[in-house]
Protein backbone atom coordinates (compact mmCIF):
# COMPACT_ATOMS: atom_id res chain seq x y z
CA MET A 1 -9.01 10.76 11.43
CA GLN A 2 -8.02 10.06 7.62
CA ASP A 3 -9.32 7.13 5.71
CA TYR A 4 -7.89 6.21 2.40
CA TYR A 5 -7.68 4.24 -0.68
CA ILE A 6 -5.61 1.67 -0.66
CA LEU A 7 -4.27 -1.70 -2.82
CA ARG A 8 -4.41 -4.57 -0.27
CA LEU A 9 -1.49 -7.28 -0.83
CA HIS A 10 -2.47 -10.99 -1.07
CA LYS A 11 -2.65 -12.79 2.39
CA ASP A 12 1.20 -14.73 2.00
CA LEU A 13 2.60 -11.08 1.08
CA ARG A 14 1.04 -9.26 4.09
CA ILE A 15 1.94 -11.79 6.35
CA ALA A 16 5.96 -12.48 5.42
CA LEU A 17 6.03 -8.83 4.92
CA GLU A 18 4.24 -7.99 8.48
CA LYS A 19 7.35 -10.46 10.28
CA GLU A 20 10.02 -8.42 8.46
CA ARG A 21 8.89 -5.40 9.52
CA ASN A 22 9.03 -6.99 13.30
CA ARG A 23 11.90 -7.48 13.14
CA LEU A 24 12.95 -4.20 11.88
CA TYR A 25 11.44 -2.40 15.34
CA ALA A 26 13.20 -5.42 16.96
CA MET A 27 15.92 -3.58 15.62
CA CYS A 28 14.66 0.27 16.05
CA GLY A 29 11.96 -0.02 17.94
CA ASP A 30 10.36 2.53 15.75
CA ARG A 31 5.95 1.93 16.56
CA SER A 32 5.21 2.81 12.96
CA LEU A 33 6.32 -0.54 11.48
CA LEU A 34 3.48 -1.42 13.51
CA ALA A 35 0.58 0.47 12.16
CA TRP A 36 -1.58 0.00 9.59
CA GLU A 37 -0.30 -3.30 7.22
CA PRO A 38 1.61 -3.12 4.55
CA CYS A 39 -0.22 -2.17 1.36
CA ILE A 40 0.01 0.24 -0.98
CA ILE A 41 -1.71 3.51 0.12
CA LEU A 42 -3.57 5.29 -3.52
CA GLY A 43 -4.26 8.54 -1.33
CA PRO A 44 -7.46 9.71 1.32
CA ASP A 45 -10.84 9.15 1.00
CA SER A 46 -12.88 11.51 -1.22
CA GLY A 47 -16.23 10.21 -0.53
CA ASN A 48 -15.43 9.12 -4.63
CA VAL A 49 -15.95 5.67 -4.47
CA ALA A 50 -16.60 5.07 -7.99
CA ARG A 51 -18.74 1.93 -9.26
CA ILE A 52 -15.72 0.78 -11.31
CA ILE A 53 -11.89 0.56 -10.02
CA PRO A 54 -9.66 0.16 -12.89
CA SER A 55 -6.75 -2.39 -11.42
CA PRO A 56 -3.40 -1.54 -12.50
CA PRO A 57 -2.25 -3.89 -14.50
CA LEU A 58 -0.62 -7.43 -12.75
CA PRO A 59 2.22 -8.07 -12.25
CA VAL A 60 3.30 -5.04 -10.49
CA ILE A 61 6.56 -4.68 -9.68
CA VAL A 62 7.83 -3.65 -6.61
CA LYS A 63 11.47 -2.42 -5.93
CA GLY A 64 13.30 -5.20 -3.33
CA ALA A 65 15.18 -1.48 -1.83
CA ALA A 66 13.47 0.76 0.56
CA GLN A 67 13.42 4.53 -0.12
CA TYR A 68 12.23 6.63 2.20
CA THR A 69 10.16 9.88 0.99
CA ASN A 70 7.79 12.73 2.38
CA GLY A 71 8.68 11.61 5.83
CA ILE A 72 6.96 8.14 5.19
CA LEU A 73 9.40 4.61 4.61
CA HIS A 74 7.66 2.37 1.73
CA LEU A 75 8.79 -0.23 -1.47
CA PRO A 76 9.02 1.88 -4.51
CA LEU A 77 7.02 0.59 -7.75
CA ALA A 78 8.73 0.03 -10.83
CA ASP A 79 6.70 2.46 -13.09
CA PRO A 80 4.66 4.20 -10.08
CA ALA A 81 2.34 5.21 -14.23
CA VAL A 82 0.84 2.11 -13.04
CA LEU A 83 -1.08 3.44 -10.36
CA ASP A 84 -2.75 6.65 -12.42
CA ARG A 85 -5.57 5.11 -13.25
CA THR A 86 -6.58 3.93 -10.48
CA ARG A 87 -6.16 6.84 -8.53
CA GLU A 88 -7.81 9.12 -11.50
CA SER A 89 -11.13 7.28 -10.98
CA LEU A 90 -10.92 7.94 -7.36
CA GLN A 91 -10.60 10.91 -7.57
CA THR A 92 -6.88 11.25 -4.74
CA THR A 93 -3.51 11.41 -5.02
CA SER A 94 -0.28 9.55 -2.59
CA PRO A 95 2.75 11.22 -2.65
CA ILE A 96 4.39 7.66 -2.64
CA HIS A 97 4.14 5.09 -5.05
CA GLY A 98 4.98 1.92 -3.59
CA ILE A 99 4.23 -0.82 -0.23
CA PHE A 100 4.06 1.07 2.88
CA LEU A 101 6.45 0.01 5.37
CA GLY A 102 6.19 2.98 8.85
CA THR A 103 7.27 6.84 8.82
CA VAL A 104 11.32 5.08 10.37
CA ASP A 105 13.72 6.24 7.79
CA ILE A 106 15.45 2.53 8.39
CA GLU A 107 18.23 1.17 5.44
CA TYR A 108 16.13 -1.65 3.68
CA GLU A 109 15.98 -4.41 1.25
CA ARG A 110 14.86 -7.76 0.38
CA THR A 111 14.48 -8.59 -3.70
CA ASP A 112 12.33 -7.20 -5.67
CA LEU A 113 8.43 -8.34 -6.08
CA ALA A 114 5.52 -8.83 -8.78
CA LEU A 115 2.30 -8.47 -7.27
CA ARG A 116 -0.04 -10.88 -9.68
CA SER A 117 -3.48 -10.06 -6.94
CA LEU A 118 -4.91 -6.96 -5.71
CA SER A 119 -7.85 -5.51 -3.58
CA PHE A 120 -8.95 -3.08 -3.52
CA ALA A 121 -9.87 -1.69 0.35
CA ILE A 122 -10.47 1.49 2.65
CA LEU A 123 -8.21 1.83 5.13
CA GLU A 124 -10.43 3.28 8.14
CA THR A 125 -8.88 5.25 10.28
CA THR A 126 -8.83 6.23 14.66
CA ALA A 127 -6.36 7.61 16.61
CA THR A 128 -5.55 4.34 18.66
CA PHE A 129 -6.76 1.56 15.87
CA TRP A 130 -7.15 0.91 11.93
CA ARG A 131 -8.95 -1.48 10.39
CA ILE A 132 -10.14 -2.46 6.99
CA GLY A 133 -13.55 -1.33 5.01
CA GLN A 134 -15.35 -2.06 2.16
CA GLU A 135 -12.54 -4.40 0.25
CA ARG A 136 -13.35 -6.00 -4.02
CA ARG A 137 -11.12 -7.73 -5.06
CA LEU A 138 -9.66 -6.88 -8.86
CA HIS A 139 -8.48 -8.22 -11.72
CA SER A 140 -5.81 -6.51 -14.58
CA GLY A 141 -7.22 -6.17 -17.52
CA LYS A 142 -11.04 -5.45 -15.80
CA TYR A 143 -12.93 -3.29 -14.50
CA ARG A 144 -14.73 -4.35 -10.86
């Protein structure tokens, strides 16, 4: 399977989105809603983990109306360009710019979010499970 560079959300937000995804799973039964944690997928692991990873300017605003794009349901970023510098430093790209929810095409809406805390991590996947590998905290306007 593939490993991915991700931006990991604050623990409380991850838990809240997991609960909402469980509710959606109960409604439609699509197992993709139970796969992977809600996160911002930067792109496939290119093997080029930069020593300095630029953080997107915080807060990052996330729209509350989910979109289904390229086979992925996600909460889109208000300004997708905020990830450009981060993706560029990692030499990766992704067709979606938002928080991954699943791969099912359903309607989902919540209030807009302001992400004030993000961590960089590597999402390691296999055919049967996933885990978070190396993780680093990011700070707005700073490099780590």
